[in-house]
PDB file of N, CA and C in Angstrom:
ATOM      1  N   UNK A   1       0.887  -0.905   0.234  1.00  0.00           N
ATOM      2  CA  UNK A   1       0.031   0.233   0.035  1.00  0.00           C
ATOM      3  C   UNK A   1       0.837   1.451  -0.236  1.00  0.00           C
ATOM      4  N   UNK A   2       0.539   2.383  -0.816  1.00  0.00           N
ATOM      5  CA  UNK A   2       1.170   3.659  -0.905  1.00  0.00           C
ATOM      6  C   UNK A   2       0.491   4.667  -1.026  1.00  0.00           C
ATOM      7  N   UNK A   3       0.641   5.711  -0.572  1.00  0.00           N
ATOM      8  CA  UNK A   3      -0.060   6.964  -0.186  1.00  0.00           C
ATOM      9  C   UNK A   3       1.120   7.955  -0.913  1.00  0.00           C
ATOM     10  N   UNK A   4       0.073   9.200  -1.277  1.00  0.00           N
ATOM     11  CA  UNK A   4       1.024  10.377  -1.380  1.00  0.00           C
ATOM     12  C   UNK A   4      -0.327  11.494  -1.510  1.00  0.00           C
ATOM     13  N   UNK A   5       0.112  12.885  -1.073  1.00  0.00           N
ATOM     14  CA  UNK A   5      -0.686  13.557  -0.705  1.00  0.00           C
ATOM     15  C   UNK A   5      -0.080  14.904  -1.375  1.00  0.00           C
ATOM     16  N   UNK A   6      -0.641  15.733  -2.101  1.00  0.00           N
ATOM     17  CA  UNK A   6      -0.819  17.225  -2.946  1.00  0.00           C
ATOM     18  C   UNK A   6      -1.312  18.311  -1.961  1.00  0.00           C
ATOM     19  N   UNK A   7      -1.015  19.322  -1.868  1.00  0.00           N
ATOM     20  CA  UNK A   7      -1.619  20.523  -1.282  1.00  0.00           C
ATOM     21  C   UNK A   7      -1.611  21.522  -2.429  1.00  0.00           C
ATOM     22  N   UNK A   8      -3.121  22.412  -2.826  1.00  0.00           N
ATOM     23  CA  UNK A   8      -2.335  23.284  -4.305  1.00  0.00           C
ATOM     24  C   UNK A   8      -2.525  24.990  -3.836  1.00  0.00           C
ATOM     25  N   UNK A   9      -1.926  26.235  -3.598  1.00  0.00           N
ATOM     26  CA  UNK A   9      -2.894  27.314  -2.904  1.00  0.00           C
ATOM     27  C   UNK A   9      -3.479  27.498  -4.311  1.00  0.00           C
ATOM     28  N   UNK A  10      -5.173  27.901  -4.256  1.00  0.00           N
ATOM     29  CA  UNK A  10      -6.017  28.649  -5.595  1.00  0.00           C
ATOM     30  C   UNK A  10      -5.635  29.637  -5.692  1.00  0.00           C
ATOM     31  N   UNK A  11      -4.820  30.549  -5.625  1.00  0.00           N
ATOM     32  CA  UNK A  11      -4.318  32.142  -5.993  1.00  0.00           C
ATOM     33  C   UNK A  11      -3.237  31.964  -6.750  1.00  0.00           C
ATOM     34  N   UNK A  12      -2.281  30.589  -6.731  1.00  0.00           N
ATOM     35  CA  UNK A  12      -1.404  30.590  -7.648  1.00  0.00           C
ATOM     36  C   UNK A  12      -2.476  29.692  -9.318  1.00  0.00           C
ATOM     37  N   UNK A  13      -3.252  28.885  -9.223  1.00  0.00           N
ATOM     38  CA  UNK A  13      -3.888  27.822 -10.108  1.00  0.00           C
ATOM     39  C   UNK A  13      -4.890  28.732 -10.705  1.00  0.00           C
ATOM     40  N   UNK A  14      -5.309  29.943 -10.114  1.00  0.00           N
ATOM     41  CA  UNK A  14      -5.983  31.543 -10.431  1.00  0.00           C
ATOM     42  C   UNK A  14      -5.003  32.636 -11.589  1.00  0.00           C
ATOM     43  N   UNK A  15      -4.045  32.500 -10.969  1.00  0.00           N
ATOM     44  CA  UNK A  15      -3.206  33.288 -11.722  1.00  0.00           C
ATOM     45  C   UNK A  15      -3.124  32.655 -13.109  1.00  0.00           C
ATOM     46  N   UNK A  16      -2.480  31.401 -12.673  1.00  0.00           N
ATOM     47  CA  UNK A  16      -1.530  30.747 -14.212  1.00  0.00           C
ATOM     48  C   UNK A  16      -3.399  30.702 -15.386  1.00  0.00           C
ATOM     49  N   UNK A  17      -3.985  30.020 -14.473  1.00  0.00           N
ATOM     50  CA  UNK A  17      -5.452  29.899 -15.704  1.00  0.00           C
ATOM     51  C   UNK A  17      -6.005  31.245 -16.542  1.00  0.00           C
ATOM     52  N   UNK A  18      -5.558  32.418 -15.846  1.00  0.00           N
ATOM     53  CA  UNK A  18      -5.948  33.433 -15.871  1.00  0.00           C
ATOM     54  C   UNK A  18      -4.556  33.908 -17.019  1.00  0.00           C
ATOM     55  N   UNK A  19      -2.937  33.443 -16.433  1.00  0.00           N
ATOM     56  CA  UNK A  19      -2.518  33.845 -18.145  1.00  0.00           C
ATOM     57  C   UNK A  19      -2.696  33.248 -18.654  1.00  0.00           C
ATOM     58  N   UNK A  20      -2.839  31.866 -18.732  1.00  0.00           N
ATOM     59  CA  UNK A  20      -2.346  31.624 -19.456  1.00  0.00           C
ATOM     60  C   UNK A  20      -4.134  30.716 -20.401  1.00  0.00           C
ATOM     61  N   UNK A  21      -4.867  30.995 -19.045  1.00  0.00           N
ATOM     62  CA  UNK A  21      -5.882  29.817 -19.979  1.00  0.00           C
ATOM     63  C   UNK A  21      -6.388  28.707 -20.221  1.00  0.00           C
ATOM     64  N   UNK A  22      -7.228  28.173 -21.194  1.00  0.00           N
ATOM     65  CA  UNK A  22      -7.058  26.727 -21.445  1.00  0.00           C
ATOM     66  C   UNK A  22      -6.083  26.022 -22.128  1.00  0.00           C
ATOM     67  N   UNK A  23      -5.040  26.794 -22.777  1.00  0.00           N
ATOM     68  CA  UNK A  23      -3.532  26.835 -23.056  1.00  0.00           C
ATOM     69  C   UNK A  23      -2.790  25.416 -21.487  1.00  0.00           C
ATOM     70  N   UNK A  24      -3.259  25.954 -21.011  1.00  0.00           N
ATOM     71  CA  UNK A  24      -3.005  25.903 -18.858  1.00  0.00           C
ATOM     72  C   UNK A  24      -3.305  24.305 -18.967  1.00  0.00           C
ATOM     73  N   UNK A  25      -4.855  24.376 -19.301  1.00  0.00           N
ATOM     74  CA  UNK A  25      -5.761  23.221 -18.772  1.00  0.00           C
ATOM     75  C   UNK A  25      -5.101  22.251 -19.859  1.00  0.00           C
ATOM     76  N   UNK A  26      -5.190  22.552 -20.587  1.00  0.00           N
ATOM     77  CA  UNK A  26      -4.790  21.342 -21.925  1.00  0.00           C
ATOM     78  C   UNK A  26      -3.415  21.068 -21.492  1.00  0.00           C
ATOM     79  N   UNK A  27      -2.914  21.585 -20.817  1.00  0.00           N
ATOM     80  CA  UNK A  27      -1.215  20.832 -20.411  1.00  0.00           C
ATOM     81  C   UNK A  27      -1.311  19.600 -19.661  1.00  0.00           C
ATOM     82  N   UNK A  28      -1.977  19.924 -18.577  1.00  0.00           N
ATOM     83  CA  UNK A  28      -2.010  19.254 -17.412  1.00  0.00           C
ATOM     84  C   UNK A  28      -3.808  18.420 -16.979  1.00  0.00           C
ATOM     85  N   UNK A  29      -4.539  19.051 -17.624  1.00  0.00           N
ATOM     86  CA  UNK A  29      -6.081  17.782 -18.423  1.00  0.00           C
ATOM     87  C   UNK A  29      -6.216  17.231 -19.332  1.00  0.00           C
ATOM     88  N   UNK A  30      -7.321  16.317 -19.494  1.00  0.00           N
ATOM     89  CA  UNK A  30      -8.081  15.716 -20.533  1.00  0.00           C
ATOM     90  C   UNK A  30      -8.835  16.229 -20.564  1.00  0.00           C
ATOM     91  N   UNK A  31      -9.130  16.604 -21.902  1.00  0.00           N
ATOM     92  CA  UNK A  31     -11.016  17.089 -22.855  1.00  0.00           C
ATOM     93  C   UNK A  31     -11.770  17.044 -21.788  1.00  0.00           C
ATOM     94  N   UNK A  32     -12.399  15.789 -20.785  1.00  0.00           N
ATOM     95  CA  UNK A  32     -12.767  15.446 -20.588  1.00  0.00           C
ATOM     96  C   UNK A  32     -12.750  15.396 -18.976  1.00  0.00           C
ATOM     97  N   UNK A  33     -11.342  15.701 -18.471  1.00  0.00           N
ATOM     98  CA  UNK A  33     -11.398  17.003 -17.035  1.00  0.00           C
ATOM     99  C   UNK A  33     -11.803  18.503 -17.257  1.00  0.00           C
ATOM    100  N   UNK A  34     -10.917  18.824 -18.220  1.00  0.00           N
ATOM    101  CA  UNK A  34     -11.316  20.394 -18.645  1.00  0.00           C
ATOM    102  C   UNK A  34     -13.032  20.629 -18.598  1.00  0.00           C
ATOM    103  N   UNK A  35     -13.519  19.687 -19.220  1.00  0.00           N
ATOM    104  CA  UNK A  35     -15.392  19.627 -18.979  1.00  0.00           C
ATOM    105  C   UNK A  35     -15.648  19.850 -17.570  1.00  0.00           C
ATOM    106  N   UNK A  36     -15.616  18.639 -17.316  1.00  0.00           N
ATOM    107  CA  UNK A  36     -16.102  19.027 -16.041  1.00  0.00           C
ATOM    108  C   UNK A  36     -16.017  19.974 -15.193  1.00  0.00           C
ATOM    109  N   UNK A  37     -14.172  20.489 -15.010  1.00  0.00           N
ATOM    110  CA  UNK A  37     -13.693  21.906 -13.759  1.00  0.00           C
ATOM    111  C   UNK A  37     -15.171  22.801 -14.723  1.00  0.00           C
ATOM    112  N   UNK A  38     -15.043  23.064 -16.243  1.00  0.00           N
ATOM    113  CA  UNK A  38     -15.594  23.762 -16.493  1.00  0.00           C
ATOM    114  C   UNK A  38     -17.415  24.183 -16.616  1.00  0.00           C
ATOM    115  N   UNK A  39     -17.845  23.242 -16.304  1.00  0.00           N
ATOM    116  CA  UNK A  39     -18.657  23.500 -15.474  1.00  0.00           C
ATOM    117  C   UNK A  39     -19.094  23.649 -13.965  1.00  0.00           C
ATOM    118  N   UNK A  40     -18.063  23.594 -13.182  1.00  0.00           N
ATOM    119  CA  UNK A  40     -18.213  23.498 -11.717  1.00  0.00           C
ATOM    120  C   UNK A  40     -18.870  25.156 -11.397  1.00  0.00           C
ATOM    121  N   UNK A  41     -19.354  25.270 -10.422  1.00  0.00           N
ATOM    122  CA  UNK A  41     -19.767  26.807 -10.221  1.00  0.00           C
ATOM    123  C   UNK A  41     -18.662  27.038  -9.859  1.00  0.00           C
ATOM    124  N   UNK A  42     -17.833  27.181  -8.604  1.00  0.00           N
ATOM    125  CA  UNK A  42     -16.450  27.078  -8.640  1.00  0.00           C
ATOM    126  C   UNK A  42     -15.159  26.253  -8.793  1.00  0.00           C
ATOM    127  N   UNK A  43     -14.692  26.971 -10.814  1.00  0.00           N
ATOM    128  CA  UNK A  43     -14.045  26.707 -11.688  1.00  0.00           C
ATOM    129  C   UNK A  43     -11.988  26.087 -11.136  1.00  0.00           C
ATOM    130  N   UNK A  44     -11.522  27.361 -10.808  1.00  0.00           N
ATOM    131  CA  UNK A  44     -10.790  27.104 -10.455  1.00  0.00           C
ATOM    132  C   UNK A  44     -10.241  26.022  -8.696  1.00  0.00           C
ATOM    133  N   UNK A  45     -11.467  26.184  -7.955  1.00  0.00           N
ATOM    134  CA  UNK A  45     -11.130  24.775  -6.672  1.00  0.00           C
ATOM    135  C   UNK A  45     -11.133  23.766  -7.709  1.00  0.00           C
ATOM    136  N   UNK A  46     -11.903  23.567  -8.973  1.00  0.00           N
ATOM    137  CA  UNK A  46     -11.637  22.485  -9.562  1.00  0.00           C
ATOM    138  C   UNK A  46     -10.992  21.424 -10.140  1.00  0.00           C
ATOM    139  N   UNK A  47     -10.312  22.906 -10.696  1.00  0.00           N
ATOM    140  CA  UNK A  47      -9.624  22.925 -11.483  1.00  0.00           C
ATOM    141  C   UNK A  47      -7.574  22.297  -9.875  1.00  0.00           C
ATOM    142  N   UNK A  48      -7.604  23.074  -9.157  1.00  0.00           N
ATOM    143  CA  UNK A  48      -6.667  23.023  -8.517  1.00  0.00           C
ATOM    144  C   UNK A  48      -7.234  21.308  -7.841  1.00  0.00           C
ATOM    145  N   UNK A  49      -8.059  21.418  -7.332  1.00  0.00           N
ATOM    146  CA  UNK A  49      -8.498  19.711  -6.862  1.00  0.00           C
ATOM    147  C   UNK A  49      -7.821  18.929  -7.823  1.00  0.00           C
ATOM    148  N   UNK A  50      -7.883  18.877  -9.235  1.00  0.00           N
ATOM    149  CA  UNK A  50      -7.311  17.898  -9.806  1.00  0.00           C
ATOM    150  C   UNK A  50      -5.688  18.207 -10.240  1.00  0.00           C
ATOM    151  N   UNK A  51      -5.833  19.379  -9.885  1.00  0.00           N
ATOM    152  CA  UNK A  51      -3.915  19.590 -10.161  1.00  0.00           C
ATOM    153  C   UNK A  51      -3.584  18.511  -8.698  1.00  0.00           C
ATOM    154  N   UNK A  52      -4.272  18.953  -7.870  1.00  0.00           N
ATOM    155  CA  UNK A  52      -3.354  17.933  -6.688  1.00  0.00           C
ATOM    156  C   UNK A  52      -3.661  16.930  -6.830  1.00  0.00           C
ATOM    157  N   UNK A  53      -4.749  16.491  -7.239  1.00  0.00           N
ATOM    158  CA  UNK A  53      -4.993  14.814  -7.250  1.00  0.00           C
ATOM    159  C   UNK A  53      -4.009  13.838  -8.039  1.00  0.00           C
ATOM    160  N   UNK A  54      -3.856  14.788  -8.981  1.00  0.00           N
ATOM    161  CA  UNK A  54      -2.513  13.938  -9.966  1.00  0.00           C
ATOM    162  C   UNK A  54      -1.446  13.783  -9.246  1.00  0.00           C
ATOM    163  N   UNK A  55      -0.991  15.038  -7.994  1.00  0.00           N
ATOM    164  CA  UNK A  55       0.026  14.855  -7.655  1.00  0.00           C
ATOM    165  C   UNK A  55       0.056  13.853  -6.580  1.00  0.00           C
ATOM    166  N   UNK A  56      -0.731  13.985  -5.995  1.00  0.00           N
ATOM    167  CA  UNK A  56      -1.103  12.640  -5.540  1.00  0.00           C
ATOM    168  C   UNK A  56      -0.939  11.739  -5.942  1.00  0.00           C
ATOM    169  N   UNK A  57      -1.430  11.361  -7.012  1.00  0.00           N
ATOM    170  CA  UNK A  57      -1.559   9.987  -6.967  1.00  0.00           C
ATOM    171  C   UNK A  57       0.168  10.195  -7.770  1.00  0.00           C
ATOM    172  N   UNK A  58       0.707  10.192  -8.588  1.00  0.00           N
ATOM    173  CA  UNK A  58       2.221  10.168  -9.055  1.00  0.00           C
ATOM    174  C   UNK A  58       3.397  10.304  -7.534  1.00  0.00           C
ATOM    175  N   UNK A  59       3.456  10.396  -6.854  1.00  0.00           N
ATOM    176  CA  UNK A  59       3.593  10.248  -5.321  1.00  0.00           C
ATOM    177  C   UNK A  59       3.634   9.527  -4.728  1.00  0.00           C
ATOM    178  N   UNK A  60       2.345   8.588  -5.033  1.00  0.00           N
ATOM    179  CA  UNK A  60       1.913   7.294  -3.830  1.00  0.00           C
ATOM    180  C   UNK A  60       2.841   6.378  -5.124  1.00  0.00           C
ATOM    181  N   UNK A  61       2.392   6.544  -6.629  1.00  0.00           N
ATOM    182  CA  UNK A  61       2.937   5.444  -7.444  1.00  0.00           C
ATOM    183  C   UNK A  61       4.776   5.724  -7.073  1.00  0.00           C
ATOM    184  N   UNK A  62       4.820   6.410  -5.906  1.00  0.00           N
ATOM    185  CA  UNK A  62       6.784   6.767  -7.162  1.00  0.00           C
ATOM    186  C   UNK A  62       7.431   7.255  -7.738  1.00  0.00           C
ATOM    187  N   UNK A  63       6.836   7.399  -8.471  1.00  0.00           N
ATOM    188  CA  UNK A  63       8.020   8.309 -10.022  1.00  0.00           C
ATOM    189  C   UNK A  63       7.605   8.965 -10.061  1.00  0.00           C
ATOM    190  N   UNK A  64       6.876   9.970  -8.892  1.00  0.00           N
ATOM    191  CA  UNK A  64       6.590  11.484  -9.835  1.00  0.00           C
ATOM    192  C   UNK A  64       6.558  11.707 -11.269  1.00  0.00           C
ATOM    193  N   UNK A  65       6.420  12.985 -12.006  1.00  0.00           N
ATOM    194  CA  UNK A  65       6.155  13.030 -13.522  1.00  0.00           C
ATOM    195  C   UNK A  65       7.323  12.394 -13.876  1.00  0.00           C
ATOM    196  N   UNK A  66       7.870  11.049 -14.375  1.00  0.00           N
ATOM    197  CA  UNK A  66       9.193  10.718 -14.900  1.00  0.00           C
ATOM    198  C   UNK A  66       8.398   9.287 -15.369  1.00  0.00           C
ATOM    199  N   UNK A  67       9.446   8.272 -15.634  1.00  0.00           N
ATOM    200  CA  UNK A  67       9.422   7.354 -16.056  1.00  0.00           C
ATOM    201  C   UNK A  67       7.999   6.394 -16.687  1.00  0.00           C
ATOM    202  N   UNK A  68       7.694   7.740 -18.097  1.00  0.00           N
ATOM    203  CA  UNK A  68       6.584   7.605 -19.109  1.00  0.00           C
ATOM    204  C   UNK A  68       5.695   7.944 -18.379  1.00  0.00           C
ATOM    205  N   UNK A  69       5.737   8.369 -16.801  1.00  0.00           N
ATOM    206  CA  UNK A  69       3.860   9.127 -16.441  1.00  0.00           C
ATOM    207  C   UNK A  69       4.073  10.460 -16.579  1.00  0.00           C
ATOM    208  N   UNK A  70       3.081  10.810 -17.365  1.00  0.00           N
ATOM    209  CA  UNK A  70       2.409  12.618 -17.579  1.00  0.00           C
ATOM    210  C   UNK A  70       1.425  12.634 -16.299  1.00  0.00           C
ATOM    211  N   UNK A  71       0.809  14.290 -17.262  1.00  0.00           N
ATOM    212  CA  UNK A  71       0.090  14.700 -16.662  1.00  0.00           C
ATOM    213  C   UNK A  71      -1.308  13.957 -16.951  1.00  0.00           C
ATOM    214  N   UNK A  72      -1.264  13.313 -18.443  1.00  0.00           N
ATOM    215  CA  UNK A  72      -2.998  13.094 -19.016  1.00  0.00           C
ATOM    216  C   UNK A  72      -2.250  11.018 -19.083  1.00  0.00           C
ATOM    217  N   UNK A  73      -1.678  10.577 -18.039  1.00  0.00           N
ATOM    218  CA  UNK A  73      -1.618   9.206 -18.388  1.00  0.00           C
ATOM    219  C   UNK A  73      -2.845   8.775 -17.143  1.00  0.00           C
ATOM    220  N   UNK A  74      -3.859   9.468 -16.662  1.00  0.00           N
ATOM    221  CA  UNK A  74      -4.629   9.556 -15.957  1.00  0.00           C
ATOM    222  C   UNK A  74      -5.283  10.499 -15.713  1.00  0.00           C
ATOM    223  N   UNK A  75      -7.189  10.128 -15.420  1.00  0.00           N
ATOM    224  CA  UNK A  75      -8.227  10.973 -15.476  1.00  0.00           C
ATOM    225  C   UNK A  75      -8.489  11.081 -14.070  1.00  0.00           C
ATOM    226  N   UNK A  76      -8.710  12.402 -14.029  1.00  0.00           N
ATOM    227  CA  UNK A  76      -9.484  12.289 -12.464  1.00  0.00           C
ATOM    228  C   UNK A  76     -11.076  12.677 -12.834  1.00  0.00           C
ATOM    229  N   UNK A  77     -11.489  11.573 -12.428  1.00  0.00           N
ATOM    230  CA  UNK A  77     -13.519  12.004 -13.280  1.00  0.00           C
ATOM    231  C   UNK A  77     -14.194  11.968 -11.505  1.00  0.00           C
ATOM    232  N   UNK A  78     -15.306  12.189 -11.479  1.00  0.00           N
ATOM    233  CA  UNK A  78     -16.647  11.655 -10.944  1.00  0.00           C
ATOM    234  C   UNK A  78     -17.646  10.907 -11.193  1.00  0.00           C
ATOM    235  N   UNK A  79     -17.462  10.222 -10.487  1.00  0.00           N
ATOM    236  CA  UNK A  79     -18.882   8.806 -10.396  1.00  0.00           C
ATOM    237  C   UNK A  79     -20.203   9.935 -10.223  1.00  0.00           C
ATOM    238  N   UNK A  80     -21.171   8.922 -10.868  1.00  0.00           N
ATOM    239  CA  UNK A  80     -22.482   9.673 -10.810  1.00  0.00           C
ATOM    240  C   UNK A  80     -23.017   9.959  -9.505  1.00  0.00           C
ATOM    241  N   UNK A  81     -22.531   9.535  -8.275  1.00  0.00           N
ATOM    242  CA  UNK A  81     -22.536  10.281  -6.891  1.00  0.00           C
ATOM    243  C   UNK A  81     -21.737  11.866  -6.494  1.00  0.00           C
ATOM    244  N   UNK A  82     -21.140  12.063  -7.648  1.00  0.00           N
ATOM    245  CA  UNK A  82     -19.699  13.498  -7.699  1.00  0.00           C
ATOM    246  C   UNK A  82     -18.412  12.926  -6.929  1.00  0.00           C
ATOM    247  N   UNK A  83     -18.582  11.395  -6.624  1.00  0.00           N
ATOM    248  CA  UNK A  83     -17.166  10.772  -5.821  1.00  0.00           C
ATOM    249  C   UNK A  83     -16.226  10.833  -7.069  1.00  0.00           C
ATOM    250  N   UNK A  84     -14.739  11.685  -6.264  1.00  0.00           N
ATOM    251  CA  UNK A  84     -13.677  11.440  -7.241  1.00  0.00           C
ATOM    252  C   UNK A  84     -13.034  10.126  -7.456  1.00  0.00           C
ATOM    253  N   UNK A  85     -12.820   9.762  -8.418  1.00  0.00           N
ATOM    254  CA  UNK A  85     -11.997   8.187  -8.888  1.00  0.00           C
ATOM    255  C   UNK A  85     -10.690   8.591 -10.538  1.00  0.00           C
ATOM    256  N   UNK A  86     -10.150   7.710 -10.012  1.00  0.00           N
ATOM    257  CA  UNK A  86      -8.346   7.743 -11.266  1.00  0.00           C
ATOM    258  C   UNK A  86      -9.364   6.629 -11.813  1.00  0.00           C
ATOM    259  N   UNK A  87      -9.579   7.305 -13.666  1.00  0.00           N
ATOM    260  CA  UNK A  87      -8.891   6.418 -14.707  1.00  0.00           C
ATOM    261  C   UNK A  87      -7.694   6.472 -15.637  1.00  0.00           C
ATOM    262  N   UNK A  88      -6.474   4.958 -15.108  1.00  0.00           N
ATOM    263  CA  UNK A  88      -6.062   4.825 -16.092  1.00  0.00           C
ATOM    264  C   UNK A  88      -6.114   5.167 -17.036  1.00  0.00           C
ATOM    265  N   UNK A  89      -5.669   5.371 -18.620  1.00  0.00           N
ATOM    266  CA  UNK A  89      -5.289   6.139 -19.303  1.00  0.00           C
ATOM    267  C   UNK A  89      -3.848   5.250 -20.070  1.00  0.00           C
ATOM    268  N   UNK A  90      -3.347   5.044 -19.657  1.00  0.00           N
ATOM    269  CA  UNK A  90      -1.861   4.561 -19.956  1.00  0.00           C
ATOM    270  C   UNK A  90      -1.985   3.156 -18.659  1.00  0.00           C
ATOM    271  N   UNK A  91      -2.679   2.239 -18.261  1.00  0.00           N
ATOM    272  CA  UNK A  91      -2.664   1.145 -17.753  1.00  0.00           C
ATOM    273  C   UNK A  91      -1.466   0.301 -17.490  1.00  0.00           C
ATOM    274  N   UNK A  92      -0.371   0.111 -18.551  1.00  0.00           N
ATOM    275  CA  UNK A  92       1.075  -0.447 -18.533  1.00  0.00           C
ATOM    276  C   UNK A  92       1.749   0.814 -17.552  1.00  0.00           C
ATOM    277  N   UNK A  93       1.064   1.784 -16.956  1.00  0.00           N
ATOM    278  CA  UNK A  93       2.405   2.497 -15.892  1.00  0.00           C
ATOM    279  C   UNK A  93       1.527   2.566 -14.661  1.00  0.00           C
ATOM    280  N   UNK A  94       0.864   1.967 -14.379  1.00  0.00           N
ATOM    281  CA  UNK A  94       0.462   1.308 -12.929  1.00  0.00           C
ATOM    282  C   UNK A  94       0.468  -0.183 -13.012  1.00  0.00           C
ATOM    283  N   UNK A  95       0.861  -0.912 -11.309  1.00  0.00           N
ATOM    284  CA  UNK A  95       0.776  -1.762 -10.980  1.00  0.00           C
ATOM    285  C   UNK A  95       0.096  -2.940 -10.887  1.00  0.00           C
ATOM    286  N   UNK A  96      -0.053  -3.883 -12.006  1.00  0.00           N
ATOM    287  CA  UNK A  96      -1.017  -5.480 -12.209  1.00  0.00           C
ATOM    288  C   UNK A  96      -1.823  -5.259 -11.081  1.00  0.00           C
ATOM    289  N   UNK A  97      -3.279  -5.396 -11.117  1.00  0.00           N
ATOM    290  CA  UNK A  97      -4.340  -5.506 -10.123  1.00  0.00           C
ATOM    291  C   UNK A  97      -4.136  -4.448  -9.156  1.00  0.00           C
ATOM    292  N   UNK A  98      -3.717  -3.086  -8.844  1.00  0.00           N
ATOM    293  CA  UNK A  98      -3.699  -1.723  -7.840  1.00  0.00           C
ATOM    294  C   UNK A  98      -4.738  -1.597  -8.082  1.00  0.00           C
ATOM    295  N   UNK A  99      -5.760  -0.627  -6.660  1.00  0.00           N
ATOM    296  CA  UNK A  99      -6.839   0.184  -6.677  1.00  0.00           C
ATOM    297  C   UNK A  99      -6.655   1.271  -6.617  1.00  0.00           C
ATOM    298  N   UNK A 100      -6.567   2.239  -6.899  1.00  0.00           N
ATOM    299  CA  UNK A 100      -6.216   3.457  -6.593  1.00  0.00           C
ATOM    300  C   UNK A 100      -7.227   4.283  -6.235  1.00  0.00           C
ATOM    301  N   UNK A 101      -7.572   5.230  -4.548  1.00  0.00           N
ATOM    302  CA  UNK A 101      -8.457   5.482  -4.009  1.00  0.00           C
ATOM    303  C   UNK A 101      -7.894   7.038  -3.620  1.00  0.00           C
ATOM    304  N   UNK A 102      -8.877   8.020  -4.214  1.00  0.00           N
ATOM    305  CA  UNK A 102      -8.475   9.577  -3.806  1.00  0.00           C
ATOM    306  C   UNK A 102      -9.817  10.323  -2.988  1.00  0.00           C
ATOM    307  N   UNK A 103      -9.443  11.226  -2.575  1.00  0.00           N
ATOM    308  CA  UNK A 103     -10.034  12.157  -2.177  1.00  0.00           C
ATOM    309  C   UNK A 103      -9.535  13.500  -2.071  1.00  0.00           C
ATOM    310  N   UNK A 104     -10.367  14.170  -2.195  1.00  0.00           N
ATOM    311  CA  UNK A 104     -10.394  16.076  -2.568  1.00  0.00           C
ATOM    312  C   UNK A 104     -10.943  17.017  -2.364  1.00  0.00           C
ATOM    313  N   UNK A 105     -10.802  17.413  -1.327  1.00  0.00           N
ATOM    314  CA  UNK A 105     -11.306  18.862  -0.702  1.00  0.00           C
ATOM    315  C   UNK A 105     -10.326  20.392  -0.593  1.00  0.00           C
ATOM    316  N   UNK A 106     -11.634  21.167  -1.154  1.00  0.00           N
ATOM    317  CA  UNK A 106     -10.431  22.674  -1.390  1.00  0.00           C
ATOM    318  C   UNK A 106     -11.125  23.814  -0.139  1.00  0.00           C
ATOM    319  N   UNK A 107     -10.724  25.285   0.403  1.00  0.00           N
ATOM    320  CA  UNK A 107     -11.861  25.845   0.928  1.00  0.00           C
ATOM    321  C   UNK A 107     -11.453  27.481  -0.125  1.00  0.00           C
ATOM    322  N   UNK A 108     -11.460  28.260   1.012  1.00  0.00           N
ATOM    323  CA  UNK A 108     -11.390  29.010   0.106  1.00  0.00           C
ATOM    324  C   UNK A 108      -9.899  29.586  -0.738  1.00  0.00           C
ATOM    325  N   UNK A 109      -9.427  29.023   0.313  1.00  0.00           N
ATOM    326  CA  UNK A 109      -7.871  28.763  -0.244  1.00  0.00           C
ATOM    327  C   UNK A 109      -6.322  28.641  -0.693  1.00  0.00           C
ATOM    328  N   UNK A 110      -7.344  27.029  -0.688  1.00  0.00           N
ATOM    329  CA  UNK A 110      -5.850  25.576  -1.040  1.00  0.00           C
ATOM    330  C   UNK A 110      -7.349  24.661  -1.624  1.00  0.00           C
ATOM    331  N   UNK A 111      -6.328  23.908  -2.851  1.00  0.00           N
ATOM    332  CA  UNK A 111      -7.349  22.365  -2.779  1.00  0.00           C
ATOM    333  C   UNK A 111      -6.149  21.295  -2.273  1.00  0.00           C
ATOM    334  N   UNK A 112      -6.916  20.699  -1.624  1.00  0.00           N
ATOM    335  CA  UNK A 112      -5.775  18.999  -1.355  1.00  0.00           C
ATOM    336  C   UNK A 112      -6.186  18.263  -1.277  1.00  0.00           C
ATOM    337  N   UNK A 113      -5.565  16.648  -1.790  1.00  0.00           N
ATOM    338  CA  UNK A 113      -5.751  15.648  -2.292  1.00  0.00           C
ATOM    339  C   UNK A 113      -4.530  14.851  -1.600  1.00  0.00           C
ATOM    340  N   UNK A 114      -5.639  13.145  -1.693  1.00  0.00           N
ATOM    341  CA  UNK A 114      -4.673  12.466  -0.904  1.00  0.00           C
ATOM    342  C   UNK A 114      -5.464  10.709  -1.669  1.00  0.00           C
ATOM    343  N   UNK A 115      -4.099  10.252  -2.169  1.00  0.00           N
ATOM    344  CA  UNK A 115      -4.065   9.199  -2.931  1.00  0.00           C
ATOM    345  C   UNK A 115      -3.343   7.863  -2.460  1.00  0.00           C
ATOM    346  N   UNK A 116      -4.270   6.783  -2.485  1.00  0.00           N
ATOM    347  CA  UNK A 116      -4.154   5.218  -1.454  1.00  0.00           C
ATOM    348  C   UNK A 116      -3.972   4.427  -2.660  1.00  0.00           C
ATOM    349  N   UNK A 117      -3.297   3.943  -3.474  1.00  0.00           N
ATOM    350  CA  UNK A 117      -2.514   3.041  -4.281  1.00  0.00           C
ATOM    351  C   UNK A 117      -2.726   1.556  -3.387  1.00  0.00           C
ATOM    352  N   UNK A 118      -3.839   0.618  -3.651  1.00  0.00           N
ATOM    353  CA  UNK A 118      -3.674  -1.304  -2.694  1.00  0.00           C
ATOM    354  C   UNK A 118      -3.140  -1.846  -4.025  1.00  0.00           C
ATOM    355  N   UNK A 119      -2.571  -3.158  -2.803  1.00  0.00           N
ATOM    356  CA  UNK A 119      -2.403  -4.257  -4.179  1.00  0.00           C
ATOM    357  C   UNK A 119      -0.945  -3.790  -4.930  1.00  0.00           C
ATOM    358  N   UNK A 120      -0.204  -2.686  -4.381  1.00  0.00           N
ATOM    359  CA  UNK A 120       1.000  -2.137  -4.728  1.00  0.00           C
ATOM    360  C   UNK A 120       2.777  -2.606  -4.177  1.00  0.00           C
TER     361      UNK A 120
END
């Protein structure tokens, strides 16, 4: 079992989004993730939450963004109840038989995410 955690300052994400717009989003999020974020009432918090979740996942993997793992190797989506989940897009990068659980939270200042890889 491995765990990763990350916290992101909302002001930092807002500055990047205001400066680079959709180009920033396209660099770190998939089209489906972008669509989800842009539909939320708190767009910046949603972007920051997914950003933090991706960082937490790569920390739990132990690779960081290296060894073929990149921002779009997996997606952070929501199930029918709104609960976030990880959908690997490059399954070879994730250990066989592992499950990935994530939790995301945010307040007015920051977003935080935790990832738990089980079966590694």
